[in-house]
């Protein structure tokens, strides 16, 4: 694994945790920063991680559409 991807992923997880545990304005800021760090970590991700995330997203969409009907 490349170090840039791992560090961007770790920062994303930390920011997502802070967005849950912080007060309103700090939570919003942490959530926005986590979103952009997620985009950065996806850009740095190896191809197999991108494919895995795509498959997980498709599975999640299928589960959501199945639960609404």
PDB file of N, CA and C in Angstrom:
ATOM      1  N   UNK A   1       0.857  -1.181   0.000  1.00  0.00           N
ATOM      2  CA  UNK A   1       0.000   0.000   0.000  1.00  0.00           C
ATOM      3  C   UNK A   1       0.893   1.232   0.000  1.00  0.00           C
ATOM      4  N   UNK A   2       0.410   2.256  -0.620  1.00  0.00           N
ATOM      5  CA  UNK A   2       1.227   3.452  -0.632  1.00  0.00           C
ATOM      6  C   UNK A   2       0.906   4.326   0.577  1.00  0.00           C
ATOM      7  N   UNK A   3       1.932   5.012   1.070  1.00  0.00           N
ATOM      8  CA  UNK A   3       1.835   5.773   2.312  1.00  0.00           C
ATOM      9  C   UNK A   3       0.865   6.936   2.197  1.00  0.00           C
ATOM     10  N   UNK A   4       0.813   7.588   1.049  1.00  0.00           N
ATOM     11  CA  UNK A   4      -0.095   8.722   0.867  1.00  0.00           C
ATOM     12  C   UNK A   4      -1.548   8.288   1.006  1.00  0.00           C
ATOM     13  N   UNK A   5      -1.875   7.148   0.423  1.00  0.00           N
ATOM     14  CA  UNK A   5      -3.239   6.630   0.521  1.00  0.00           C
ATOM     15  C   UNK A   5      -3.598   6.300   1.962  1.00  0.00           C
ATOM     16  N   UNK A   6      -2.692   5.644   2.668  1.00  0.00           N
ATOM     17  CA  UNK A   6      -2.970   5.272   4.052  1.00  0.00           C
ATOM     18  C   UNK A   6      -3.132   6.496   4.945  1.00  0.00           C
ATOM     19  N   UNK A   7      -2.299   7.508   4.744  1.00  0.00           N
ATOM     20  CA  UNK A   7      -2.422   8.703   5.579  1.00  0.00           C
ATOM     21  C   UNK A   7      -3.689   9.481   5.248  1.00  0.00           C
ATOM     22  N   UNK A   8      -4.056   9.570   3.975  1.00  0.00           N
ATOM     23  CA  UNK A   8      -5.296  10.257   3.605  1.00  0.00           C
ATOM     24  C   UNK A   8      -6.510   9.514   4.150  1.00  0.00           C
ATOM     25  N   UNK A   9      -6.464   8.195   4.140  1.00  0.00           N
ATOM     26  CA  UNK A   9      -7.558   7.400   4.689  1.00  0.00           C
ATOM     27  C   UNK A   9      -7.658   7.568   6.201  1.00  0.00           C
ATOM     28  N   UNK A  10      -6.520   7.589   6.880  1.00  0.00           N
ATOM     29  CA  UNK A  10      -6.527   7.778   8.336  1.00  0.00           C
ATOM     30  C   UNK A  10      -7.084   9.148   8.710  1.00  0.00           C
ATOM     31  N   UNK A  11      -6.695  10.177   7.979  1.00  0.00           N
ATOM     32  CA  UNK A  11      -7.210  11.523   8.248  1.00  0.00           C
ATOM     33  C   UNK A  11      -8.711  11.573   7.993  1.00  0.00           C
ATOM     34  N   UNK A  12      -9.182  10.885   6.951  1.00  0.00           N
ATOM     35  CA  UNK A  12     -10.619  10.839   6.671  1.00  0.00           C
ATOM     36  C   UNK A  12     -11.388  10.206   7.822  1.00  0.00           C
ATOM     37  N   UNK A  13     -10.881   9.111   8.349  1.00  0.00           N
ATOM     38  CA  UNK A  13     -11.549   8.432   9.462  1.00  0.00           C
ATOM     39  C   UNK A  13     -11.559   9.316  10.707  1.00  0.00           C
ATOM     40  N   UNK A  14     -10.452   9.985  10.988  1.00  0.00           N
ATOM     41  CA  UNK A  14     -10.384  10.877  12.149  1.00  0.00           C
ATOM     42  C   UNK A  14     -11.371  12.027  12.000  1.00  0.00           C
ATOM     43  N   UNK A  15     -11.431  12.630  10.821  1.00  0.00           N
ATOM     44  CA  UNK A  15     -12.362  13.739  10.606  1.00  0.00           C
ATOM     45  C   UNK A  15     -13.815  13.281  10.685  1.00  0.00           C
ATOM     46  N   UNK A  16     -14.097  12.098  10.182  1.00  0.00           N
ATOM     47  CA  UNK A  16     -15.463  11.578  10.278  1.00  0.00           C
ATOM     48  C   UNK A  16     -15.841  11.345  11.737  1.00  0.00           C
ATOM     49  N   UNK A  17     -14.909  10.830  12.529  1.00  0.00           N
ATOM     50  CA  UNK A  17     -15.166  10.639  13.959  1.00  0.00           C
ATOM     51  C   UNK A  17     -15.402  11.981  14.650  1.00  0.00           C
ATOM     52  N   UNK A  18     -14.589  12.981  14.319  1.00  0.00           N
ATOM     53  CA  UNK A  18     -14.771  14.310  14.911  1.00  0.00           C
ATOM     54  C   UNK A  18     -16.101  14.930  14.510  1.00  0.00           C
ATOM     55  N   UNK A  19     -16.560  14.649  13.292  1.00  0.00           N
ATOM     56  CA  UNK A  19     -17.841  15.209  12.860  1.00  0.00           C
ATOM     57  C   UNK A  19     -19.002  14.617  13.652  1.00  0.00           C
ATOM     58  N   UNK A  20     -18.833  13.411  14.164  1.00  0.00           N
ATOM     59  CA  UNK A  20     -19.877  12.788  14.979  1.00  0.00           C
ATOM     60  C   UNK A  20     -19.830  13.312  16.411  1.00  0.00           C
ATOM     61  N   UNK A  21     -18.630  13.525  16.939  1.00  0.00           N
ATOM     62  CA  UNK A  21     -18.456  13.855  18.350  1.00  0.00           C
ATOM     63  C   UNK A  21     -18.420  15.351  18.662  1.00  0.00           C
ATOM     64  N   UNK A  22     -18.326  16.223  17.670  1.00  0.00           N
ATOM     65  CA  UNK A  22     -18.156  17.654  17.920  1.00  0.00           C
ATOM     66  C   UNK A  22     -19.487  18.382  17.960  1.00  0.00           C
ATOM     67  N   UNK A  23     -19.419  19.671  18.328  1.00  0.00           N
ATOM     68  CA  UNK A  23     -20.602  20.517  18.299  1.00  0.00           C
ATOM     69  C   UNK A  23     -20.933  20.855  16.856  1.00  0.00           C
ATOM     70  N   UNK A  24     -22.062  21.507  16.648  1.00  0.00           N
ATOM     71  CA  UNK A  24     -22.653  21.657  15.315  1.00  0.00           C
ATOM     72  C   UNK A  24     -21.711  22.250  14.271  1.00  0.00           C
ATOM     73  N   UNK A  25     -21.145  23.423  14.499  1.00  0.00           N
ATOM     74  CA  UNK A  25     -20.339  24.074  13.460  1.00  0.00           C
ATOM     75  C   UNK A  25     -19.032  23.320  13.218  1.00  0.00           C
ATOM     76  N   UNK A  26     -18.427  22.810  14.286  1.00  0.00           N
ATOM     77  CA  UNK A  26     -17.206  22.025  14.117  1.00  0.00           C
ATOM     78  C   UNK A  26     -17.498  20.699  13.429  1.00  0.00           C
ATOM     79  N   UNK A  27     -18.650  20.121  13.722  1.00  0.00           N
ATOM     80  CA  UNK A  27     -19.033  18.866  13.079  1.00  0.00           C
ATOM     81  C   UNK A  27     -19.225  19.061  11.585  1.00  0.00           C
ATOM     82  N   UNK A  28     -19.842  20.166  11.208  1.00  0.00           N
ATOM     83  CA  UNK A  28     -20.047  20.452   9.790  1.00  0.00           C
ATOM     84  C   UNK A  28     -18.715  20.666   9.080  1.00  0.00           C
ATOM     85  N   UNK A  29     -17.818  21.414   9.707  1.00  0.00           N
ATOM     86  CA  UNK A  29     -16.495  21.645   9.121  1.00  0.00           C
ATOM     87  C   UNK A  29     -15.727  20.333   8.974  1.00  0.00           C
ATOM     88  N   UNK A  30     -15.765  19.505  10.011  1.00  0.00           N
ATOM     89  CA  UNK A  30     -15.068  18.219   9.949  1.00  0.00           C
ATOM     90  C   UNK A  30     -15.672  17.313   8.886  1.00  0.00           C
ATOM     91  N   UNK A  31     -16.992  17.358   8.721  1.00  0.00           N
ATOM     92  CA  UNK A  31     -17.645  16.538   7.709  1.00  0.00           C
ATOM     93  C   UNK A  31     -17.258  16.976   6.300  1.00  0.00           C
ATOM     94  N   UNK A  32     -17.198  18.280   6.064  1.00  0.00           N
ATOM     95  CA  UNK A  32     -16.788  18.792   4.751  1.00  0.00           C
ATOM     96  C   UNK A  32     -15.337  18.420   4.468  1.00  0.00           C
ATOM     97  N   UNK A  33     -14.467  18.586   5.460  1.00  0.00           N
ATOM     98  CA  UNK A  33     -13.064  18.210   5.270  1.00  0.00           C
ATOM     99  C   UNK A  33     -12.921  16.706   5.053  1.00  0.00           C
ATOM    100  N   UNK A  34     -13.715  15.914   5.755  1.00  0.00           N
ATOM    101  CA  UNK A  34     -13.666  14.461   5.571  1.00  0.00           C
ATOM    102  C   UNK A  34     -14.081  14.076   4.157  1.00  0.00           C
ATOM    103  N   UNK A  35     -15.070  14.787   3.604  1.00  0.00           N
ATOM    104  CA  UNK A  35     -15.502  14.502   2.235  1.00  0.00           C
ATOM    105  C   UNK A  35     -14.368  14.755   1.244  1.00  0.00           C
ATOM    106  N   UNK A  36     -13.679  15.894   1.386  1.00  0.00           N
ATOM    107  CA  UNK A  36     -12.591  16.190   0.460  1.00  0.00           C
ATOM    108  C   UNK A  36     -11.394  15.267   0.668  1.00  0.00           C
ATOM    109  N   UNK A  37     -11.150  14.851   1.905  1.00  0.00           N
ATOM    110  CA  UNK A  37     -10.081  13.886   2.143  1.00  0.00           C
ATOM    111  C   UNK A  37     -10.453  12.521   1.568  1.00  0.00           C
ATOM    112  N   UNK A  38     -11.747  12.190   1.585  1.00  0.00           N
ATOM    113  CA  UNK A  38     -12.195  10.944   0.965  1.00  0.00           C
ATOM    114  C   UNK A  38     -11.931  10.972  -0.536  1.00  0.00           C
ATOM    115  N   UNK A  39     -12.214  12.105  -1.163  1.00  0.00           N
ATOM    116  CA  UNK A  39     -11.918  12.231  -2.593  1.00  0.00           C
ATOM    117  C   UNK A  39     -10.426  12.091  -2.859  1.00  0.00           C
ATOM    118  N   UNK A  40      -9.602  12.698  -1.998  1.00  0.00           N
ATOM    119  CA  UNK A  40      -8.152  12.590  -2.160  1.00  0.00           C
ATOM    120  C   UNK A  40      -7.692  11.154  -1.969  1.00  0.00           C
ATOM    121  N   UNK A  41      -8.220  10.477  -0.956  1.00  0.00           N
ATOM    122  CA  UNK A  41      -7.791   9.097  -0.737  1.00  0.00           C
ATOM    123  C   UNK A  41      -8.246   8.186  -1.868  1.00  0.00           C
ATOM    124  N   UNK A  42      -9.404   8.484  -2.472  1.00  0.00           N
ATOM    125  CA  UNK A  42      -9.827   7.699  -3.635  1.00  0.00           C
ATOM    126  C   UNK A  42      -8.921   7.947  -4.833  1.00  0.00           C
ATOM    127  N   UNK A  43      -8.451   9.186  -4.981  1.00  0.00           N
ATOM    128  CA  UNK A  43      -7.540   9.483  -6.088  1.00  0.00           C
ATOM    129  C   UNK A  43      -6.207   8.767  -5.906  1.00  0.00           C
ATOM    130  N   UNK A  44      -5.795   8.571  -4.660  1.00  0.00           N
ATOM    131  CA  UNK A  44      -4.517   7.915  -4.383  1.00  0.00           C
ATOM    132  C   UNK A  44      -4.643   6.404  -4.222  1.00  0.00           C
ATOM    133  N   UNK A  45      -5.858   5.904  -4.223  1.00  0.00           N
ATOM    134  CA  UNK A  45      -6.098   4.488  -3.932  1.00  0.00           C
ATOM    135  C   UNK A  45      -5.617   3.591  -5.066  1.00  0.00           C
ATOM    136  N   UNK A  46      -5.163   2.391  -4.709  1.00  0.00           N
ATOM    137  CA  UNK A  46      -4.855   1.400  -5.744  1.00  0.00           C
ATOM    138  C   UNK A  46      -6.140   0.984  -6.469  1.00  0.00           C
ATOM    139  N   UNK A  47      -5.987   0.408  -7.635  1.00  0.00           N
ATOM    140  CA  UNK A  47      -7.153   0.042  -8.454  1.00  0.00           C
ATOM    141  C   UNK A  47      -8.076  -0.952  -7.764  1.00  0.00           C
ATOM    142  N   UNK A  48      -7.526  -1.913  -7.023  1.00  0.00           N
ATOM    143  CA  UNK A  48      -8.381  -2.905  -6.380  1.00  0.00           C
ATOM    144  C   UNK A  48      -9.255  -2.266  -5.306  1.00  0.00           C
ATOM    145  N   UNK A  49      -8.775  -1.200  -4.659  1.00  0.00           N
ATOM    146  CA  UNK A  49      -9.588  -0.507  -3.653  1.00  0.00           C
ATOM    147  C   UNK A  49     -10.733   0.228  -4.337  1.00  0.00           C
ATOM    148  N   UNK A  50     -10.455   0.843  -5.477  1.00  0.00           N
ATOM    149  CA  UNK A  50     -11.505   1.542  -6.217  1.00  0.00           C
ATOM    150  C   UNK A  50     -12.597   0.576  -6.665  1.00  0.00           C
ATOM    151  N   UNK A  51     -12.192  -0.590  -7.153  1.00  0.00           N
ATOM    152  CA  UNK A  51     -13.170  -1.594  -7.586  1.00  0.00           C
ATOM    153  C   UNK A  51     -13.986  -2.092  -6.395  1.00  0.00           C
ATOM    154  N   UNK A  52     -13.315  -2.324  -5.264  1.00  0.00           N
ATOM    155  CA  UNK A  52     -14.016  -2.766  -4.061  1.00  0.00           C
ATOM    156  C   UNK A  52     -15.028  -1.720  -3.598  1.00  0.00           C
ATOM    157  N   UNK A  53     -14.656  -0.447  -3.608  1.00  0.00           N
ATOM    158  CA  UNK A  53     -15.583   0.614  -3.214  1.00  0.00           C
ATOM    159  C   UNK A  53     -16.749   0.730  -4.187  1.00  0.00           C
ATOM    160  N   UNK A  54     -16.483   0.548  -5.471  1.00  0.00           N
ATOM    161  CA  UNK A  54     -17.558   0.574  -6.460  1.00  0.00           C
ATOM    162  C   UNK A  54     -18.551  -0.560  -6.215  1.00  0.00           C
ATOM    163  N   UNK A  55     -18.040  -1.762  -5.960  1.00  0.00           N
ATOM    164  CA  UNK A  55     -18.919  -2.896  -5.688  1.00  0.00           C
ATOM    165  C   UNK A  55     -19.712  -2.694  -4.398  1.00  0.00           C
ATOM    166  N   UNK A  56     -19.066  -2.130  -3.370  1.00  0.00           N
ATOM    167  CA  UNK A  56     -19.781  -1.855  -2.123  1.00  0.00           C
ATOM    168  C   UNK A  56     -20.871  -0.813  -2.339  1.00  0.00           C
ATOM    169  N   UNK A  57     -20.601   0.200  -3.153  1.00  0.00           N
ATOM    170  CA  UNK A  57     -21.605   1.214  -3.453  1.00  0.00           C
ATOM    171  C   UNK A  57     -22.779   0.639  -4.214  1.00  0.00           C
ATOM    172  N   UNK A  58     -22.501  -0.234  -5.176  1.00  0.00           N
ATOM    173  CA  UNK A  58     -23.583  -0.875  -5.918  1.00  0.00           C
ATOM    174  C   UNK A  58     -24.424  -1.766  -5.011  1.00  0.00           C
ATOM    175  N   UNK A  59     -23.755  -2.514  -4.122  1.00  0.00           N
ATOM    176  CA  UNK A  59     -24.474  -3.368  -3.183  1.00  0.00           C
ATOM    177  C   UNK A  59     -25.340  -2.530  -2.255  1.00  0.00           C
ATOM    178  N   UNK A  60     -24.808  -1.398  -1.765  1.00  0.00           N
ATOM    179  CA  UNK A  60     -25.560  -0.523  -0.866  1.00  0.00           C
ATOM    180  C   UNK A  60     -26.783   0.051  -1.578  1.00  0.00           C
ATOM    181  N   UNK A  61     -26.618   0.476  -2.841  1.00  0.00           N
ATOM    182  CA  UNK A  61     -27.755   1.005  -3.606  1.00  0.00           C
ATOM    183  C   UNK A  61     -28.815  -0.072  -3.810  1.00  0.00           C
ATOM    184  N   UNK A  62     -28.386  -1.289  -4.080  1.00  0.00           N
ATOM    185  CA  UNK A  62     -29.328  -2.395  -4.254  1.00  0.00           C
ATOM    186  C   UNK A  62     -30.088  -2.657  -2.957  1.00  0.00           C
ATOM    187  N   UNK A  63     -29.391  -2.649  -1.832  1.00  0.00           N
ATOM    188  CA  UNK A  63     -30.033  -2.873  -0.541  1.00  0.00           C
ATOM    189  C   UNK A  63     -31.030  -1.766  -0.220  1.00  0.00           C
ATOM    190  N   UNK A  64     -30.681  -0.524  -0.543  1.00  0.00           N
ATOM    191  CA  UNK A  64     -31.576   0.607  -0.274  1.00  0.00           C
ATOM    192  C   UNK A  64     -32.839   0.504  -1.132  1.00  0.00           C
ATOM    193  N   UNK A  65     -32.679   0.162  -2.398  1.00  0.00           N
ATOM    194  CA  UNK A  65     -33.853   0.068  -3.270  1.00  0.00           C
ATOM    195  C   UNK A  65     -34.718  -1.128  -2.889  1.00  0.00           C
ATOM    196  N   UNK A  66     -34.103  -2.183  -2.390  1.00  0.00           N
ATOM    197  CA  UNK A  66     -34.844  -3.364  -1.975  1.00  0.00           C
ATOM    198  C   UNK A  66     -35.637  -3.099  -0.693  1.00  0.00           C
ATOM    199  N   UNK A  67     -35.095  -2.284   0.211  1.00  0.00           N
ATOM    200  CA  UNK A  67     -35.779  -2.036   1.484  1.00  0.00           C
ATOM    201  C   UNK A  67     -36.934  -1.050   1.338  1.00  0.00           C
ATOM    202  N   UNK A  68     -36.949  -0.245   0.278  1.00  0.00           N
ATOM    203  CA  UNK A  68     -38.036   0.721   0.093  1.00  0.00           C
ATOM    204  C   UNK A  68     -39.256   0.107  -0.567  1.00  0.00           C
ATOM    205  N   UNK A  69     -39.094  -1.042  -1.220  1.00  0.00           N
ATOM    206  CA  UNK A  69     -40.242  -1.648  -1.912  1.00  0.00           C
ATOM    207  C   UNK A  69     -40.933  -2.690  -1.072  1.00  0.00           C
TER     208      UNK A  69
END
